[in-house]
Amino acid sequence: MGLRSKWTKLTRYVSYLGPRNGLTLAALEGITRESREVSVSHRSLRHPVLLRTRSSDFEAFVQVISDQEYDVAEMPTPETIVDAGANVGLASRFFAQKFPDAKILALEPEESNFSQLCRNMADYPNVVCIKKALWTTTGTLKLFDPGMGKWSVRVDGDAKPGDAPLPEVGSAQCVTISDLMSEYGLTRIDLLKVDIEGAEKELFAASSEWIDKVDAIAIELHDRFKRGCSQAFYNATASFPHEVHKGELVFLFRQPNAP
């Protein structure tokens, strides 16, 4: 990385994290090539959050915590939230603070992400951390690395046309929404947050059993990884009349808050 690029990254870190946190994160990245954890505070957070150097954690922090991408005026106050693809828990942390009375199920299949998710949720008893992936069946799934690190593992090894299949990096338990609702005693899901690296194509293509029990959806679509994600999603959610976009996210509501 050239000097100009390093300076640009440093200024972004300081701008979003403050001088102390930003300089610490930049210094650790300059000292070691291995991923290291940094405890980061922010004016919108009641407790510090753990971020990893040399990962996508900082970009996710900017989107979720600094830019508040999940904060939309149309969102009714939910009692039950399912966070599929919770990663290290930034969205769950946002929801737990904004909706302290909501029951939140945070699903993350990758071991190191899940460990950090649990630690980031330690001060939020309304969040249940579940080491599973949301899928069309309940059982076991293989995990694959697209070359961007553990924070971006996927549940299928399909690559772009002409590329070699993605390398397998382990396995994880998976669960359907219906089985998840049954296990945790949910009759409805007020908010389903989905950020599952392309697996939304299969999830929503097989959603007829549970889609009528969901009232709002916040999703990041990954057609750049897998063709057909948006088509499967919109085909399944034709009964949601209200749509809002913010950043990379799409929000659908059956009945949004009145403006």
Protein backbone atom coordinates (compact mmCIF):
# COMPACT_ATOMS: atom_id res chain seq x y z
CA MET A 1 0.00 0.00 0.00
CA GLY A 2 1.42 3.40 -1.01
CA LEU A 3 1.88 6.35 1.31
CA ARG A 4 -1.15 8.16 -0.11
CA SER A 5 -3.38 5.12 0.40
CA LYS A 6 -2.13 4.71 3.97
CA TRP A 7 -2.86 8.37 4.68
CA THR A 8 -6.36 8.06 3.21
CA LYS A 9 -7.08 5.01 5.37
CA LEU A 10 -5.69 6.74 8.47
CA THR A 11 -7.86 9.82 7.97
CA ARG A 12 -10.97 7.64 7.48
CA TYR A 13 -10.21 5.70 10.67
CA VAL A 14 -9.76 8.91 12.65
CA SER A 15 -12.83 10.54 11.09
CA TYR A 16 -15.16 7.66 11.98
CA LEU A 17 -13.56 6.27 15.13
CA GLY A 18 -11.99 9.36 16.68
CA PRO A 19 -8.25 10.09 17.14
CA ARG A 20 -7.52 7.48 19.82
CA ASN A 21 -9.42 4.56 18.26
CA GLY A 22 -8.47 5.49 14.70
CA LEU A 23 -4.76 5.79 15.42
CA THR A 24 -4.78 2.54 17.42
CA LEU A 25 -6.43 0.62 14.60
CA ALA A 26 -4.06 2.08 12.00
CA ALA A 27 -1.00 1.42 14.17
CA LEU A 28 -1.94 -2.23 14.72
CA GLU A 29 -2.43 -2.75 10.99
CA GLY A 30 1.01 -1.26 10.41
CA ILE A 31 2.67 -3.44 13.06
CA THR A 32 1.33 -6.86 12.17
CA ARG A 33 -0.18 -8.55 9.16
CA GLU A 34 -2.32 -10.73 11.38
CA SER A 35 -5.83 -9.72 12.36
CA ARG A 36 -5.94 -8.10 15.81
CA GLU A 37 -8.86 -6.99 17.94
CA VAL A 38 -9.41 -3.39 18.98
CA SER A 39 -12.00 -2.17 21.49
CA VAL A 40 -13.75 0.83 19.91
CA SER A 41 -16.05 3.39 21.51
CA HIS A 42 -18.54 5.58 19.68
CA ARG A 43 -20.95 8.32 20.78
CA SER A 44 -23.93 6.18 19.73
CA LEU A 45 -22.77 3.07 21.65
CA ARG A 46 -23.42 2.46 25.34
CA HIS A 47 -20.53 -0.02 25.47
CA PRO A 48 -17.35 -0.44 23.36
CA VAL A 49 -17.43 -2.88 20.47
CA LEU A 50 -14.65 -5.23 19.33
CA LEU A 51 -13.40 -4.76 15.75
CA ARG A 52 -10.69 -6.69 13.92
CA THR A 53 -7.87 -5.15 11.94
CA ARG A 54 -7.38 -6.32 8.35
CA SER A 55 -11.01 -7.30 8.00
CA SER A 56 -14.33 -5.91 6.81
CA ASP A 57 -15.24 -4.92 10.38
CA PHE A 58 -14.37 -1.25 9.94
CA GLU A 59 -16.47 -0.85 6.79
CA ALA A 60 -19.38 -2.60 8.51
CA PHE A 61 -18.91 -0.29 11.51
CA VAL A 62 -19.12 2.77 9.25
CA GLN A 63 -22.33 1.54 7.60
CA VAL A 64 -24.13 0.23 10.68
CA ILE A 65 -22.92 2.39 13.56
CA SER A 66 -21.64 5.65 12.05
CA ASP A 67 -24.05 5.97 9.10
CA GLN A 68 -26.92 4.24 10.94
CA GLU A 69 -28.08 2.42 7.80
CA TYR A 70 -30.63 0.34 9.73
CA ASP A 71 -32.26 3.44 11.20
CA VAL A 72 -35.26 4.21 8.99
CA ALA A 73 -38.29 6.21 10.07
CA GLU A 74 -40.67 3.68 8.52
CA MET A 75 -39.59 0.89 10.89
CA PRO A 76 -42.33 -0.06 13.37
CA THR A 77 -41.14 -0.99 16.85
CA PRO A 78 -40.46 -4.75 16.68
CA GLU A 79 -40.92 -7.29 19.45
CA THR A 80 -39.02 -10.07 17.67
CA ILE A 81 -35.97 -9.69 15.40
CA VAL A 82 -34.00 -12.34 13.55
CA ASP A 83 -30.52 -11.21 12.48
CA ALA A 84 -29.36 -13.71 9.85
CA GLY A 85 -25.69 -13.25 9.05
CA ALA A 86 -24.94 -11.41 12.29
CA ASN A 87 -21.16 -11.51 11.75
CA VAL A 88 -19.60 -9.81 14.81
CA GLY A 89 -22.90 -8.30 15.94
CA LEU A 90 -22.94 -4.69 14.77
CA ALA A 91 -26.52 -4.80 13.47
CA SER A 92 -27.68 -6.76 16.52
CA ARG A 93 -25.98 -4.17 18.73
CA PHE A 94 -27.81 -1.38 16.90
CA PHE A 95 -31.17 -3.15 17.23
CA ALA A 96 -30.57 -4.03 20.89
CA GLN A 97 -30.01 -0.38 21.77
CA LYS A 98 -32.81 1.04 19.62
CA PHE A 99 -35.34 -1.65 20.60
CA PRO A 100 -34.33 -2.73 24.13
CA ASP A 101 -37.57 -4.65 24.69
CA ALA A 102 -37.21 -6.75 21.52
CA LYS A 103 -36.11 -10.37 21.56
CA ILE A 104 -33.24 -10.70 19.07
CA LEU A 105 -31.97 -13.97 17.61
CA ALA A 106 -28.51 -13.39 16.10
CA LEU A 107 -27.34 -16.19 13.77
CA GLU A 108 -23.70 -16.54 12.70
CA PRO A 109 -22.19 -19.84 11.47
CA GLU A 110 -18.44 -19.05 11.32
CA GLU A 111 -16.51 -19.90 14.50
CA SER A 112 -14.34 -16.79 14.96
CA ASN A 113 -17.15 -14.42 13.94
CA PHE A 114 -19.48 -16.15 16.39
CA SER A 115 -16.99 -15.91 19.25
CA GLN A 116 -16.68 -12.16 18.70
CA LEU A 117 -20.45 -11.82 18.29
CA CYS A 118 -20.96 -13.36 21.73
CA ARG A 119 -18.48 -11.00 23.34
CA ASN A 120 -19.99 -7.97 21.61
CA MET A 121 -23.44 -9.00 22.89
CA ALA A 122 -22.35 -9.75 26.47
CA ASP A 123 -24.01 -6.57 27.81
CA TYR A 124 -27.31 -7.17 25.97
CA PRO A 125 -29.40 -9.93 27.56
CA ASN A 126 -32.17 -9.49 24.97
CA VAL A 127 -29.84 -10.92 22.27
CA VAL A 128 -29.56 -14.70 21.85
CA CYS A 129 -26.44 -15.72 19.89
CA ILE A 130 -26.93 -18.84 17.75
CA LYS A 131 -24.07 -20.57 15.95
CA LYS A 132 -26.07 -21.52 12.87
CA ALA A 133 -26.76 -20.39 9.33
CA LEU A 134 -30.24 -19.68 8.02
CA TRP A 135 -31.01 -22.07 5.18
CA THR A 136 -33.75 -24.02 3.40
CA THR A 137 -33.20 -27.14 5.52
CA THR A 138 -32.07 -27.92 9.06
CA GLY A 139 -28.83 -29.87 9.24
CA THR A 140 -25.20 -29.23 8.26
CA LEU A 141 -23.73 -26.99 5.56
CA LYS A 142 -20.24 -26.68 4.13
CA LEU A 143 -18.59 -23.26 4.37
CA PHE A 144 -16.49 -21.71 1.59
CA ASP A 145 -14.01 -18.81 1.51
CA PRO A 146 -14.30 -16.41 -1.46
CA GLY A 147 -10.81 -15.10 -0.67
CA MET A 148 -11.85 -12.18 1.54
CA GLY A 149 -11.36 -13.79 4.94
CA LYS A 150 -13.50 -15.47 7.60
CA TRP A 151 -15.82 -12.45 7.80
CA SER A 152 -17.18 -13.23 4.32
CA VAL A 153 -17.59 -17.03 4.27
CA ARG A 154 -20.45 -18.44 2.19
CA VAL A 155 -22.53 -21.58 2.28
CA ASP A 156 -21.95 -22.51 -1.37
CA GLY A 157 -18.79 -22.87 -3.40
CA ASP A 158 -20.06 -21.50 -6.71
CA ALA A 159 -17.63 -19.06 -8.30
CA LYS A 160 -18.01 -16.64 -11.18
CA PRO A 161 -18.07 -18.24 -14.64
CA GLY A 162 -14.56 -19.29 -15.61
CA ASP A 163 -13.21 -19.24 -12.06
CA ALA A 164 -12.31 -22.28 -9.97
CA PRO A 165 -14.78 -23.37 -7.26
CA LEU A 166 -14.26 -21.68 -3.91
CA PRO A 167 -12.17 -23.58 -1.32
CA GLU A 168 -14.01 -25.35 1.48
CA VAL A 169 -13.10 -24.06 4.95
CA GLY A 170 -15.27 -26.12 7.26
CA SER A 171 -18.90 -26.72 8.06
CA ALA A 172 -21.67 -25.32 10.21
CA GLN A 173 -25.11 -26.16 11.49
CA CYS A 174 -28.02 -24.65 9.59
CA VAL A 175 -31.67 -24.09 10.45
CA THR A 176 -34.87 -23.13 8.65
CA ILE A 177 -36.92 -20.13 9.73
CA SER A 178 -39.83 -22.42 10.59
CA ASP A 179 -37.67 -24.60 12.85
CA LEU A 180 -36.07 -21.52 14.41
CA MET A 181 -39.48 -20.03 15.21
CA SER A 182 -40.65 -23.30 16.70
CA GLU A 183 -37.53 -23.71 18.86
CA TYR A 184 -37.72 -20.19 20.29
CA GLY A 185 -41.51 -19.94 20.54
CA LEU A 186 -42.05 -17.24 17.93
CA THR A 187 -45.44 -16.86 16.27
CA ARG A 188 -44.25 -13.99 14.06
CA ILE A 189 -41.01 -12.25 13.10
CA ASP A 190 -41.50 -8.50 13.25
CA LEU A 191 -38.14 -7.81 11.56
CA LEU A 192 -36.03 -10.23 9.53
CA LYS A 193 -32.56 -8.84 8.81
CA VAL A 194 -30.70 -10.79 6.10
CA ASP A 195 -27.04 -10.39 5.09
CA ILE A 196 -25.96 -13.89 4.06
CA GLU A 197 -23.57 -13.41 1.15
CA GLY A 198 -25.83 -14.68 -1.66
CA ALA A 199 -27.66 -17.47 0.17
CA GLU A 200 -30.74 -15.24 0.13
CA LYS A 201 -31.45 -16.63 -3.35
CA GLU A 202 -32.13 -20.12 -2.02
CA LEU A 203 -33.69 -18.86 1.22
CA PHE A 204 -36.39 -16.78 -0.45
CA ALA A 205 -36.94 -19.23 -3.31
CA ALA A 206 -38.15 -21.69 -0.66
CA SER A 207 -39.94 -19.23 1.64
CA SER A 208 -43.61 -20.09 1.08
CA GLU A 209 -43.91 -21.83 4.46
CA TRP A 210 -42.87 -18.81 6.53
CA ILE A 211 -42.95 -15.57 4.51
CA ASP A 212 -46.50 -14.71 5.66
CA LYS A 213 -45.26 -14.73 9.26
CA VAL A 214 -42.74 -11.92 8.61
CA ASP A 215 -43.80 -8.25 8.86
CA ALA A 216 -40.64 -6.37 7.82
CA ILE A 217 -37.39 -7.28 6.08
CA ALA A 218 -34.03 -5.51 5.93
CA ILE A 219 -31.71 -7.12 3.39
CA GLU A 220 -28.46 -6.62 1.53
CA LEU A 221 -28.78 -8.34 -1.84
CA HIS A 222 -25.74 -10.00 -3.42
CA ASP A 223 -26.42 -10.36 -7.14
CA ARG A 224 -22.76 -9.42 -7.61
CA PHE A 225 -21.92 -12.81 -6.07
CA LYS A 226 -24.80 -14.88 -7.40
CA ARG A 227 -27.27 -14.15 -10.17
CA GLY A 228 -30.92 -14.30 -9.24
CA CYS A 229 -30.78 -13.05 -5.63
CA SER A 230 -32.98 -10.03 -6.28
CA GLN A 231 -35.41 -11.96 -8.44
CA ALA A 232 -35.92 -14.66 -5.80
CA PHE A 233 -36.32 -12.04 -3.09
CA TYR A 234 -38.87 -9.88 -4.90
CA ASN A 235 -40.82 -12.91 -6.14
CA ALA A 236 -41.21 -14.08 -2.53
CA THR A 237 -42.12 -10.67 -1.11
CA ALA A 238 -44.78 -9.50 -3.56
CA SER A 239 -47.18 -9.12 -0.62
CA PHE A 240 -45.01 -6.40 0.98
CA PRO A 241 -46.37 -3.12 -0.48
CA HIS A 242 -43.89 -0.64 1.02
CA GLU A 243 -40.21 -0.40 0.01
CA VAL A 244 -37.40 1.84 1.27
CA HIS A 245 -33.73 1.99 0.25
CA LYS A 246 -30.86 3.23 2.41
CA GLY A 247 -27.22 2.70 1.52
CA GLU A 248 -26.82 -0.92 0.39
CA LEU A 249 -29.98 -2.02 2.18
CA VAL A 250 -33.50 -2.72 0.98
CA PHE A 251 -36.36 -2.51 3.50
CA LEU A 252 -39.80 -4.00 2.88
CA PHE A 253 -42.78 -3.42 5.16
CA ARG A 254 -46.28 -4.81 5.32
CA GLN A 255 -47.32 -1.77 7.38
CA PRO A 256 -44.67 0.91 7.95
CA ASN A 257 -44.78 3.67 10.53
CA ALA A 258 -46.78 6.64 9.32
CA PRO A 259 -44.55 9.52 8.17
